[in-house]
Amino acid sequence: MYLDAAIQEFITEGDYDLFFQSLEQVIKARMSISEFSQKTGITRAALYEMFKGERVPRLDTIGKLLKELGFSLHVA
């Protein structure tokens, strides 16, 4: 629910930073960033740039991140 709330905030308010900070916390609660990086094929550097708001990922990258965490993105 935490990540869902952050996604809703991102969609309604455009709060990119909150969404990716939340995503970072969810990832770290489940595994190391290095392990997640290996599973997704996204470099650690790119992940940290997203978490810091220095990089805006493409939609397919967001999909890959959410899929690895067992989430899906629905548009309603």
PDB file of N, CA and C in Angstrom:
ATOM      1  N   MET A   1       0.823  -1.192   0.000  1.00  0.00           N
ATOM      2  CA  MET A   1       0.000   0.000   0.000  1.00  0.00           C
ATOM      3  C   MET A   1       0.869   1.260   0.000  1.00  0.00           C
ATOM      4  N   TYR A   2       2.031   1.156   0.634  1.00  0.00           N
ATOM      5  CA  TYR A   2       2.944   2.293   0.718  1.00  0.00           C
ATOM      6  C   TYR A   2       3.361   2.751  -0.675  1.00  0.00           C
ATOM      7  N   LEU A   3       3.772   1.799  -1.497  1.00  0.00           N
ATOM      8  CA  LEU A   3       4.213   2.144  -2.842  1.00  0.00           C
ATOM      9  C   LEU A   3       3.037   2.606  -3.695  1.00  0.00           C
ATOM     10  N   ASP A   4       1.895   2.003  -3.507  1.00  0.00           N
ATOM     11  CA  ASP A   4       0.692   2.416  -4.240  1.00  0.00           C
ATOM     12  C   ASP A   4       0.357   3.873  -3.935  1.00  0.00           C
ATOM     13  N   ALA A   5       0.426   4.257  -2.670  1.00  0.00           N
ATOM     14  CA  ALA A   5       0.150   5.646  -2.290  1.00  0.00           C
ATOM     15  C   ALA A   5       1.162   6.588  -2.941  1.00  0.00           C
ATOM     16  N   ALA A   6       2.412   6.173  -2.998  1.00  0.00           N
ATOM     17  CA  ALA A   6       3.453   7.000  -3.615  1.00  0.00           C
ATOM     18  C   ALA A   6       3.217   7.139  -5.119  1.00  0.00           C
ATOM     19  N   ILE A   7       2.755   6.058  -5.748  1.00  0.00           N
ATOM     20  CA  ILE A   7       2.450   6.128  -7.180  1.00  0.00           C
ATOM     21  C   ILE A   7       1.293   7.083  -7.422  1.00  0.00           C
ATOM     22  N   GLN A   8       0.273   7.006  -6.598  1.00  0.00           N
ATOM     23  CA  GLN A   8      -0.873   7.903  -6.744  1.00  0.00           C
ATOM     24  C   GLN A   8      -0.450   9.360  -6.563  1.00  0.00           C
ATOM     25  N   GLU A   9       0.421   9.612  -5.618  1.00  0.00           N
ATOM     26  CA  GLU A   9       0.939  10.968  -5.396  1.00  0.00           C
ATOM     27  C   GLU A   9       1.716  11.439  -6.626  1.00  0.00           C
ATOM     28  N   PHE A  10       2.507  10.531  -7.191  1.00  0.00           N
ATOM     29  CA  PHE A  10       3.279  10.849  -8.384  1.00  0.00           C
ATOM     30  C   PHE A  10       2.350  11.211  -9.538  1.00  0.00           C
ATOM     31  N   ILE A  11       1.289  10.425  -9.719  1.00  0.00           N
ATOM     32  CA  ILE A  11       0.356  10.651 -10.821  1.00  0.00           C
ATOM     33  C   ILE A  11      -0.418  11.953 -10.637  1.00  0.00           C
ATOM     34  N   THR A  12      -0.929  12.191  -9.436  1.00  0.00           N
ATOM     35  CA  THR A  12      -1.780  13.365  -9.222  1.00  0.00           C
ATOM     36  C   THR A  12      -0.997  14.659  -9.025  1.00  0.00           C
ATOM     37  N   GLU A  13       0.126  14.572  -8.341  1.00  0.00           N
ATOM     38  CA  GLU A  13       0.882  15.782  -8.005  1.00  0.00           C
ATOM     39  C   GLU A  13       2.199  15.931  -8.765  1.00  0.00           C
ATOM     40  N   GLY A  14       2.608  14.863  -9.463  1.00  0.00           N
ATOM     41  CA  GLY A  14       3.886  14.908 -10.169  1.00  0.00           C
ATOM     42  C   GLY A  14       5.080  14.822  -9.231  1.00  0.00           C
ATOM     43  N   ASP A  15       4.873  14.260  -8.034  1.00  0.00           N
ATOM     44  CA  ASP A  15       5.955  14.162  -7.045  1.00  0.00           C
ATOM     45  C   ASP A  15       6.844  12.961  -7.341  1.00  0.00           C
ATOM     46  N   TYR A  16       7.706  13.143  -8.311  1.00  0.00           N
ATOM     47  CA  TYR A  16       8.642  12.115  -8.758  1.00  0.00           C
ATOM     48  C   TYR A  16       9.550  11.653  -7.621  1.00  0.00           C
ATOM     49  N   ASP A  17      10.064  12.586  -6.849  1.00  0.00           N
ATOM     50  CA  ASP A  17      11.016  12.251  -5.779  1.00  0.00           C
ATOM     51  C   ASP A  17      10.409  11.316  -4.743  1.00  0.00           C
ATOM     52  N   LEU A  18       9.198  11.582  -4.312  1.00  0.00           N
ATOM     53  CA  LEU A  18       8.543  10.735  -3.320  1.00  0.00           C
ATOM     54  C   LEU A  18       8.373   9.312  -3.844  1.00  0.00           C
ATOM     55  N   PHE A  19       7.948   9.174  -5.091  1.00  0.00           N
ATOM     56  CA  PHE A  19       7.758   7.853  -5.671  1.00  0.00           C
ATOM     57  C   PHE A  19       9.057   7.059  -5.670  1.00  0.00           C
ATOM     58  N   PHE A  20      10.138   7.655  -6.134  1.00  0.00           N
ATOM     59  CA  PHE A  20      11.387   6.911  -6.224  1.00  0.00           C
ATOM     60  C   PHE A  20      12.071   6.720  -4.874  1.00  0.00           C
ATOM     61  N   GLN A  21      11.857   7.600  -3.928  1.00  0.00           N
ATOM     62  CA  GLN A  21      12.346   7.353  -2.570  1.00  0.00           C
ATOM     63  C   GLN A  21      11.597   6.169  -1.962  1.00  0.00           C
ATOM     64  N   SER A  22      10.305   6.096  -2.216  1.00  0.00           N
ATOM     65  CA  SER A  22       9.496   4.981  -1.730  1.00  0.00           C
ATOM     66  C   SER A  22       9.940   3.686  -2.391  1.00  0.00           C
ATOM     67  N   LEU A  23      10.185   3.736  -3.678  1.00  0.00           N
ATOM     68  CA  LEU A  23      10.647   2.564  -4.404  1.00  0.00           C
ATOM     69  C   LEU A  23      11.979   2.070  -3.835  1.00  0.00           C
ATOM     70  N   GLU A  24      12.876   2.981  -3.547  1.00  0.00           N
ATOM     71  CA  GLU A  24      14.170   2.618  -2.960  1.00  0.00           C
ATOM     72  C   GLU A  24      13.971   1.908  -1.622  1.00  0.00           C
ATOM     73  N   GLN A  25      13.089   2.419  -0.794  1.00  0.00           N
ATOM     74  CA  GLN A  25      12.845   1.802   0.515  1.00  0.00           C
ATOM     75  C   GLN A  25      12.262   0.399   0.375  1.00  0.00           C
ATOM     76  N   VAL A  26      11.349   0.218  -0.575  1.00  0.00           N
ATOM     77  CA  VAL A  26      10.756  -1.102  -0.793  1.00  0.00           C
ATOM     78  C   VAL A  26      11.824  -2.087  -1.270  1.00  0.00           C
ATOM     79  N   ILE A  27      12.661  -1.654  -2.188  1.00  0.00           N
ATOM     80  CA  ILE A  27      13.737  -2.519  -2.686  1.00  0.00           C
ATOM     81  C   ILE A  27      14.667  -2.911  -1.548  1.00  0.00           C
ATOM     82  N   LYS A  28      15.113  -1.930  -0.762  1.00  0.00           N
ATOM     83  CA  LYS A  28      16.052  -2.204   0.326  1.00  0.00           C
ATOM     84  C   LYS A  28      15.447  -3.086   1.413  1.00  0.00           C
ATOM     85  N   ALA A  29      14.135  -3.052   1.556  1.00  0.00           N
ATOM     86  CA  ALA A  29      13.477  -3.917   2.538  1.00  0.00           C
ATOM     87  C   ALA A  29      13.486  -5.376   2.084  1.00  0.00           C
ATOM     88  N   ARG A  30      13.631  -5.588   0.793  1.00  0.00           N
ATOM     89  CA  ARG A  30      13.570  -6.947   0.248  1.00  0.00           C
ATOM     90  C   ARG A  30      14.927  -7.537  -0.090  1.00  0.00           C
ATOM     91  N   MET A  31      15.862  -6.685  -0.523  1.00  0.00           N
ATOM     92  CA  MET A  31      17.173  -7.174  -0.959  1.00  0.00           C
ATOM     93  C   MET A  31      18.125  -5.991  -1.077  1.00  0.00           C
ATOM     94  N   SER A  32      19.360  -6.289  -1.381  1.00  0.00           N
ATOM     95  CA  SER A  32      20.333  -5.210  -1.571  1.00  0.00           C
ATOM     96  C   SER A  32      20.128  -4.579  -2.950  1.00  0.00           C
ATOM     97  N   ILE A  33      20.587  -3.361  -3.083  1.00  0.00           N
ATOM     98  CA  ILE A  33      20.504  -2.670  -4.367  1.00  0.00           C
ATOM     99  C   ILE A  33      21.335  -3.426  -5.409  1.00  0.00           C
ATOM    100  N   SER A  34      22.459  -3.971  -5.005  1.00  0.00           N
ATOM    101  CA  SER A  34      23.298  -4.746  -5.929  1.00  0.00           C
ATOM    102  C   SER A  34      22.544  -5.956  -6.468  1.00  0.00           C
ATOM    103  N   GLU A  35      21.876  -6.674  -5.578  1.00  0.00           N
ATOM    104  CA  GLU A  35      21.104  -7.847  -5.995  1.00  0.00           C
ATOM    105  C   GLU A  35      19.966  -7.442  -6.936  1.00  0.00           C
ATOM    106  N   PHE A  36      19.278  -6.374  -6.587  1.00  0.00           N
ATOM    107  CA  PHE A  36      18.185  -5.888  -7.425  1.00  0.00           C
ATOM    108  C   PHE A  36      18.716  -5.457  -8.795  1.00  0.00           C
ATOM    109  N   SER A  37      19.851  -4.810  -8.792  1.00  0.00           N
ATOM    110  CA  SER A  37      20.484  -4.376 -10.032  1.00  0.00           C
ATOM    111  C   SER A  37      20.762  -5.571 -10.939  1.00  0.00           C
ATOM    112  N   GLN A  38      21.295  -6.627 -10.370  1.00  0.00           N
ATOM    113  CA  GLN A  38      21.592  -7.830 -11.156  1.00  0.00           C
ATOM    114  C   GLN A  38      20.319  -8.458 -11.706  1.00  0.00           C
ATOM    115  N   LYS A  39      19.278  -8.509 -10.904  1.00  0.00           N
ATOM    116  CA  LYS A  39      18.019  -9.130 -11.331  1.00  0.00           C
ATOM    117  C   LYS A  39      17.332  -8.351 -12.447  1.00  0.00           C
ATOM    118  N   THR A  40      17.438  -7.040 -12.417  1.00  0.00           N
ATOM    119  CA  THR A  40      16.748  -6.209 -13.400  1.00  0.00           C
ATOM    120  C   THR A  40      17.610  -5.854 -14.604  1.00  0.00           C
ATOM    121  N   GLY A  41      18.917  -5.959 -14.458  1.00  0.00           N
ATOM    122  CA  GLY A  41      19.804  -5.549 -15.530  1.00  0.00           C
ATOM    123  C   GLY A  41      19.997  -4.042 -15.597  1.00  0.00           C
ATOM    124  N   ILE A  42      19.578  -3.351 -14.551  1.00  0.00           N
ATOM    125  CA  ILE A  42      19.747  -1.903 -14.461  1.00  0.00           C
ATOM    126  C   ILE A  42      20.925  -1.642 -13.530  1.00  0.00           C
ATOM    127  N   THR A  43      21.865  -0.841 -13.955  1.00  0.00           N
ATOM    128  CA  THR A  43      23.063  -0.635 -13.147  1.00  0.00           C
ATOM    129  C   THR A  43      22.731   0.024 -11.811  1.00  0.00           C
ATOM    130  N   ARG A  44      23.577  -0.248 -10.824  1.00  0.00           N
ATOM    131  CA  ARG A  44      23.404   0.379  -9.509  1.00  0.00           C
ATOM    132  C   ARG A  44      23.445   1.897  -9.655  1.00  0.00           C
ATOM    133  N   ALA A  45      24.368   2.376 -10.480  1.00  0.00           N
ATOM    134  CA  ALA A  45      24.506   3.824 -10.672  1.00  0.00           C
ATOM    135  C   ALA A  45      23.203   4.415 -11.214  1.00  0.00           C
ATOM    136  N   ALA A  46      22.590   3.752 -12.189  1.00  0.00           N
ATOM    137  CA  ALA A  46      21.335   4.249 -12.765  1.00  0.00           C
ATOM    138  C   ALA A  46      20.223   4.221 -11.724  1.00  0.00           C
ATOM    139  N   LEU A  47      20.179   3.166 -10.911  1.00  0.00           N
ATOM    140  CA  LEU A  47      19.171   3.098  -9.851  1.00  0.00           C
ATOM    141  C   LEU A  47      19.335   4.245  -8.870  1.00  0.00           C
ATOM    142  N   TYR A  48      20.559   4.468  -8.413  1.00  0.00           N
ATOM    143  CA  TYR A  48      20.778   5.554  -7.456  1.00  0.00           C
ATOM    144  C   TYR A  48      20.491   6.920  -8.065  1.00  0.00           C
ATOM    145  N   GLU A  49      20.761   7.097  -9.361  1.00  0.00           N
ATOM    146  CA  GLU A  49      20.422   8.360 -10.020  1.00  0.00           C
ATOM    147  C   GLU A  49      18.912   8.571 -10.025  1.00  0.00           C
ATOM    148  N   MET A  50      18.150   7.477 -10.237  1.00  0.00           N
ATOM    149  CA  MET A  50      16.691   7.582 -10.180  1.00  0.00           C
ATOM    150  C   MET A  50      16.236   7.926  -8.770  1.00  0.00           C
ATOM    151  N   PHE A  51      16.801   7.256  -7.769  1.00  0.00           N
ATOM    152  CA  PHE A  51      16.401   7.479  -6.382  1.00  0.00           C
ATOM    153  C   PHE A  51      16.664   8.922  -5.954  1.00  0.00           C
ATOM    154  N   LYS A  52      17.729   9.517  -6.480  1.00  0.00           N
ATOM    155  CA  LYS A  52      18.096  10.888  -6.128  1.00  0.00           C
ATOM    156  C   LYS A  52      17.382  11.931  -6.989  1.00  0.00           C
ATOM    157  N   GLY A  53      16.629  11.474  -7.984  1.00  0.00           N
ATOM    158  CA  GLY A  53      15.940  12.407  -8.869  1.00  0.00           C
ATOM    159  C   GLY A  53      16.833  12.993  -9.939  1.00  0.00           C
ATOM    160  N   GLU A  54      17.975  12.385 -10.163  1.00  0.00           N
ATOM    161  CA  GLU A  54      18.913  12.870 -11.170  1.00  0.00           C
ATOM    162  C   GLU A  54      18.634  12.277 -12.548  1.00  0.00           C
ATOM    163  N   ARG A  55      17.830  11.238 -12.593  1.00  0.00           N
ATOM    164  CA  ARG A  55      17.511  10.561 -13.853  1.00  0.00           C
ATOM    165  C   ARG A  55      16.022  10.234 -13.864  1.00  0.00           C
ATOM    166  N   VAL A  56      15.383  10.531 -14.970  1.00  0.00           N
ATOM    167  CA  VAL A  56      13.976  10.190 -15.144  1.00  0.00           C
ATOM    168  C   VAL A  56      13.930   8.956 -16.042  1.00  0.00           C
ATOM    169  N   PRO A  57      13.462   7.832 -15.505  1.00  0.00           N
ATOM    170  CA  PRO A  57      13.456   6.606 -16.301  1.00  0.00           C
ATOM    171  C   PRO A  57      12.316   6.575 -17.305  1.00  0.00           C
ATOM    172  N   ARG A  58      12.497   5.757 -18.315  1.00  0.00           N
ATOM    173  CA  ARG A  58      11.434   5.529 -19.287  1.00  0.00           C
ATOM    174  C   ARG A  58      10.378   4.632 -18.650  1.00  0.00           C
ATOM    175  N   LEU A  59       9.206   4.605 -19.245  1.00  0.00           N
ATOM    176  CA  LEU A  59       8.109   3.798 -18.728  1.00  0.00           C
ATOM    177  C   LEU A  59       8.468   2.315 -18.690  1.00  0.00           C
ATOM    178  N   ASP A  60       9.195   1.825 -19.688  1.00  0.00           N
ATOM    179  CA  ASP A  60       9.562   0.408 -19.676  1.00  0.00           C
ATOM    180  C   ASP A  60      10.493   0.084 -18.516  1.00  0.00           C
ATOM    181  N   THR A  61      11.306   1.030 -18.109  1.00  0.00           N
ATOM    182  CA  THR A  61      12.192   0.828 -16.955  1.00  0.00           C
ATOM    183  C   THR A  61      11.376   0.776 -15.669  1.00  0.00           C
ATOM    184  N   ILE A  62      10.418   1.654 -15.534  1.00  0.00           N
ATOM    185  CA  ILE A  62       9.542   1.629 -14.359  1.00  0.00           C
ATOM    186  C   ILE A  62       8.801   0.301 -14.306  1.00  0.00           C
ATOM    187  N   GLY A  63       8.324  -0.151 -15.465  1.00  0.00           N
ATOM    188  CA  GLY A  63       7.654  -1.444 -15.527  1.00  0.00           C
ATOM    189  C   GLY A  63       8.553  -2.580 -15.083  1.00  0.00           C
ATOM    190  N   LYS A  64       9.807  -2.537 -15.485  1.00  0.00           N
ATOM    191  CA  LYS A  64      10.770  -3.572 -15.104  1.00  0.00           C
ATOM    192  C   LYS A  64      11.012  -3.563 -13.590  1.00  0.00           C
ATOM    193  N   LEU A  65      11.124  -2.382 -13.020  1.00  0.00           N
ATOM    194  CA  LEU A  65      11.335  -2.263 -11.572  1.00  0.00           C
ATOM    195  C   LEU A  65      10.141  -2.831 -10.808  1.00  0.00           C
ATOM    196  N   LEU A  66       8.950  -2.433 -11.200  1.00  0.00           N
ATOM    197  CA  LEU A  66       7.744  -2.893 -10.511  1.00  0.00           C
ATOM    198  C   LEU A  66       7.533  -4.394 -10.684  1.00  0.00           C
ATOM    199  N   LYS A  67       7.795  -4.899 -11.886  1.00  0.00           N
ATOM    200  CA  LYS A  67       7.634  -6.334 -12.139  1.00  0.00           C
ATOM    201  C   LYS A  67       8.552  -7.150 -11.242  1.00  0.00           C
ATOM    202  N   GLU A  68       9.795  -6.731 -11.110  1.00  0.00           N
ATOM    203  CA  GLU A  68      10.742  -7.465 -10.261  1.00  0.00           C
ATOM    204  C   GLU A  68      10.300  -7.476  -8.812  1.00  0.00           C
ATOM    205  N   LEU A  69       9.608  -6.444  -8.392  1.00  0.00           N
ATOM    206  CA  LEU A  69       9.101  -6.378  -7.013  1.00  0.00           C
ATOM    207  C   LEU A  69       7.770  -7.104  -6.848  1.00  0.00           C
ATOM    208  N   GLY A  70       7.222  -7.597  -7.954  1.00  0.00           N
ATOM    209  CA  GLY A  70       5.959  -8.328  -7.882  1.00  0.00           C
ATOM    210  C   GLY A  70       4.733  -7.445  -7.989  1.00  0.00           C
ATOM    211  N   PHE A  71       4.922  -6.208  -8.452  1.00  0.00           N
ATOM    212  CA  PHE A  71       3.816  -5.269  -8.622  1.00  0.00           C
ATOM    213  C   PHE A  71       3.472  -5.140 -10.092  1.00  0.00           C
ATOM    214  N   SER A  72       2.316  -4.605 -10.363  1.00  0.00           N
ATOM    215  CA  SER A  72       1.943  -4.261 -11.723  1.00  0.00           C
ATOM    216  C   SER A  72       1.371  -2.851 -11.697  1.00  0.00           C
ATOM    217  N   LEU A  73       1.373  -2.246 -12.839  1.00  0.00           N
ATOM    218  CA  LEU A  73       0.882  -0.872 -12.969  1.00  0.00           C
ATOM    219  C   LEU A  73      -0.402  -0.916 -13.778  1.00  0.00           C
ATOM    220  N   HIS A  74      -1.466  -0.366 -13.227  1.00  0.00           N
ATOM    221  CA  HIS A  74      -2.760  -0.336 -13.895  1.00  0.00           C
ATOM    222  C   HIS A  74      -3.183   1.108 -14.074  1.00  0.00           C
ATOM    223  N   VAL A  75      -3.748   1.373 -15.204  1.00  0.00           N
ATOM    224  CA  VAL A  75      -4.264   2.703 -15.481  1.00  0.00           C
ATOM    225  C   VAL A  75      -5.790   2.613 -15.441  1.00  0.00           C
ATOM    226  N   ALA A  76      -6.391   3.473 -14.659  1.00  0.00           N
ATOM    227  CA  ALA A  76      -7.857   3.436 -14.538  1.00  0.00           C
ATOM    228  C   ALA A  76      -8.444   4.809 -14.764  1.00  0.00           C
TER     229      ALA A  76
END
